Protein backbone atom coordinates (compact mmCIF):
# COMPACT_ATOMS: atom_id res chain seq x y z
CA UNK A 1 -0.10 0.10 -0.14
CA UNK A 2 1.36 3.46 -0.85
CA UNK A 3 1.63 6.28 1.62
CA UNK A 4 -1.40 8.07 0.03
CA UNK A 5 -3.47 5.19 0.45
CA UNK A 6 -2.92 4.99 4.28
CA UNK A 7 -5.92 5.27 6.60
CA UNK A 8 -6.19 5.97 10.35
CA UNK A 9 -6.60 2.44 11.02
CA UNK A 10 -2.94 1.85 9.87
CA UNK A 11 -1.47 3.69 12.90
CA UNK A 12 -1.59 2.67 16.55
CA UNK A 13 -1.59 5.67 18.51
CA UNK A 14 -3.08 9.29 17.82
CA UNK A 15 -2.24 12.58 19.45
CA UNK A 16 -4.25 15.56 18.36
CA UNK A 17 -2.27 18.70 17.91
CA UNK A 18 -4.03 22.20 17.17
CA UNK A 19 -2.71 24.19 14.36
CA UNK A 20 -1.89 27.79 15.14
CA UNK A 21 -2.47 31.10 13.32
CA UNK A 22 1.18 31.35 12.67
CA UNK A 23 1.39 27.74 11.34
CA UNK A 24 -0.04 29.10 8.08
CA UNK A 25 1.92 30.54 5.36
CA UNK A 26 1.26 33.09 2.68
CA UNK A 27 -0.55 30.48 0.58
CA UNK A 28 -3.00 29.78 3.26
CA UNK A 29 -1.89 26.35 4.51
CA UNK A 30 0.41 24.90 7.22
CA UNK A 31 3.89 25.50 5.91
CA UNK A 32 5.96 22.14 5.34
CA UNK A 33 8.53 22.89 8.33
CA UNK A 34 5.61 22.44 10.73
CA UNK A 35 4.92 18.85 9.84
CA UNK A 36 8.29 17.84 11.39
CA UNK A 37 7.13 19.55 14.59
CA UNK A 38 4.05 17.65 14.72
CA UNK A 39 5.76 14.50 14.23
CA UNK A 40 8.46 15.10 17.10
CA UNK A 41 5.36 16.40 19.29
CA UNK A 42 3.42 13.12 18.68
CA UNK A 43 6.39 10.88 19.19
CA UNK A 44 8.04 12.60 22.19
CA UNK A 45 4.55 13.11 23.93
CA UNK A 46 4.03 9.34 23.69
CA UNK A 47 7.35 8.30 25.15
CA UNK A 48 6.81 10.96 28.01
CA UNK A 49 3.52 9.55 28.76
CA UNK A 50 4.85 6.09 28.85
CA UNK A 51 7.63 7.08 31.37
CA UNK A 52 10.40 6.13 29.14
CA UNK A 53 11.76 9.57 28.18
CA UNK A 54 12.95 12.13 30.81
CA UNK A 55 13.88 15.25 28.65
CA UNK A 56 15.71 17.02 31.57
CA UNK A 57 17.35 14.31 33.56
CA UNK A 58 17.37 11.06 31.60
CA UNK A 59 20.88 9.44 30.55
CA UNK A 60 19.55 8.25 27.25
CA UNK A 61 18.31 10.64 24.62
CA UNK A 62 17.04 10.02 20.99
CA UNK A 63 18.88 12.00 18.12
CA UNK A 64 17.04 12.36 14.71
CA UNK A 65 19.32 10.97 12.17
CA UNK A 66 16.97 10.57 9.33
CA UNK A 67 13.54 12.01 8.29
CA UNK A 68 11.28 12.41 5.45
CA UNK A 69 7.68 13.60 4.61
CA UNK A 70 5.20 13.09 1.75
CA UNK A 71 2.57 15.66 1.50
CA UNK A 72 -0.91 14.68 -0.17
CA UNK A 73 -3.56 17.29 1.32
CA UNK A 74 -3.22 20.53 2.91
CA UNK A 75 -3.73 21.49 6.48
CA UNK A 76 -4.71 24.86 7.75
CA UNK A 77 -5.39 26.94 10.71
CA UNK A 78 -8.04 26.38 12.34
CA UNK A 79 -7.59 22.69 11.75
CA UNK A 80 -6.77 20.12 14.38
CA UNK A 81 -4.07 17.46 13.37
CA UNK A 82 -4.46 14.05 14.42
CA UNK A 83 -1.11 12.44 14.24
CA UNK A 84 -1.08 8.87 14.18
CA UNK A 85 2.34 7.18 15.14
CA UNK A 86 3.69 3.61 14.80
CA UNK A 87 7.00 1.97 14.97
CA UNK A 88 8.30 0.40 11.80
CA UNK A 89 11.79 -1.02 13.07
CA UNK A 90 13.40 -1.45 16.51
CA UNK A 91 17.09 -1.87 15.98
CA UNK A 92 19.91 -2.25 18.74
CA UNK A 93 20.26 1.43 19.08
CA UNK A 94 17.69 2.96 16.67
CA UNK A 95 13.98 3.03 16.18
CA UNK A 96 12.04 4.16 12.79
CA UNK A 97 8.98 5.81 13.74
CA UNK A 98 6.26 6.47 11.13
CA UNK A 99 3.61 9.23 11.38
CA UNK A 100 0.45 9.95 9.57
CA UNK A 101 -1.16 13.38 9.75
CA UNK A 102 -5.07 13.54 9.33
CA UNK A 103 -6.87 16.94 9.14
CA UNK A 104 -9.88 16.91 11.86
CA UNK A 105 -11.66 13.75 11.41
CA UNK A 106 -10.66 13.00 7.94
CA UNK A 107 -9.83 9.54 7.12
CA UNK A 108 -7.77 10.31 4.33
CA UNK A 109 -4.18 11.13 4.93
CA UNK A 110 -2.91 14.56 4.51
CA UNK A 111 0.88 13.56 5.10
CA UNK A 112 2.77 10.67 5.81
CA UNK A 113 6.57 10.47 7.14
CA UNK A 114 9.20 8.88 9.26
CA UNK A 115 12.08 9.62 11.23
CA UNK A 116 14.78 7.39 12.84
CA UNK A 117 16.12 8.10 16.38
CA UNK A 118 19.29 6.92 17.40
CA UNK A 119 19.60 6.40 21.08
CA UNK A 120 22.74 7.88 22.74
CA UNK A 121 24.14 8.33 26.07
CA UNK A 122 23.42 11.99 26.98
CA UNK A 123 26.87 12.72 28.39
CA UNK A 124 29.19 11.11 25.83
CA UNK A 125 26.83 11.39 22.77
CA UNK A 126 27.78 7.70 21.93
CA UNK A 127 25.04 5.26 20.78
CA UNK A 128 23.60 2.95 23.31
CA UNK A 129 21.23 0.00 22.99
CA UNK A 130 17.71 1.00 23.38
CA UNK A 131 16.56 0.73 27.02
CA UNK A 132 14.32 -2.34 27.77
CA UNK A 133 11.58 -0.28 29.26
CA UNK A 134 11.54 1.89 26.00
CA UNK A 135 11.41 -1.29 23.85
CA UNK A 136 8.39 -2.51 25.56
CA UNK A 137 6.64 0.85 25.41
CA UNK A 138 7.47 0.83 21.57
CA UNK A 139 6.31 -2.74 21.09
CA UNK A 140 2.92 -1.70 21.79
CA UNK A 141 2.77 0.38 18.66
CA UNK A 142 4.98 -1.59 16.48
CA UNK A 143 3.69 -2.92 13.16
């Protein structure tokens, strides 16, 4: 199935993110750079809520090393963005997240993307194995 054909049911967890007035560009729709912010917000909020990411004190943090986005339908203020997430791959020190963005209650996808986190030791910046608690939280949304 192509990314354009994906539906809400293809994602395991959702975060609703309101658009803001400033998200719109001169063309009257959400500017492309904001989509990556929606990706980050949905994934990191999931990890924080599951208690596996401490953004202030945690010894392990995820660095984005790869990202992409395909755009199919516009989003615009005052839409709500339903960001669906799933995990496509759990490696030794990396995770591939896939994110689908849906406008309001639409079933048709507005944008689909992915990003890869490499987990590193906060102090040294060197890759480390994905912690077991995080693996368990991510297994719940793996496809």
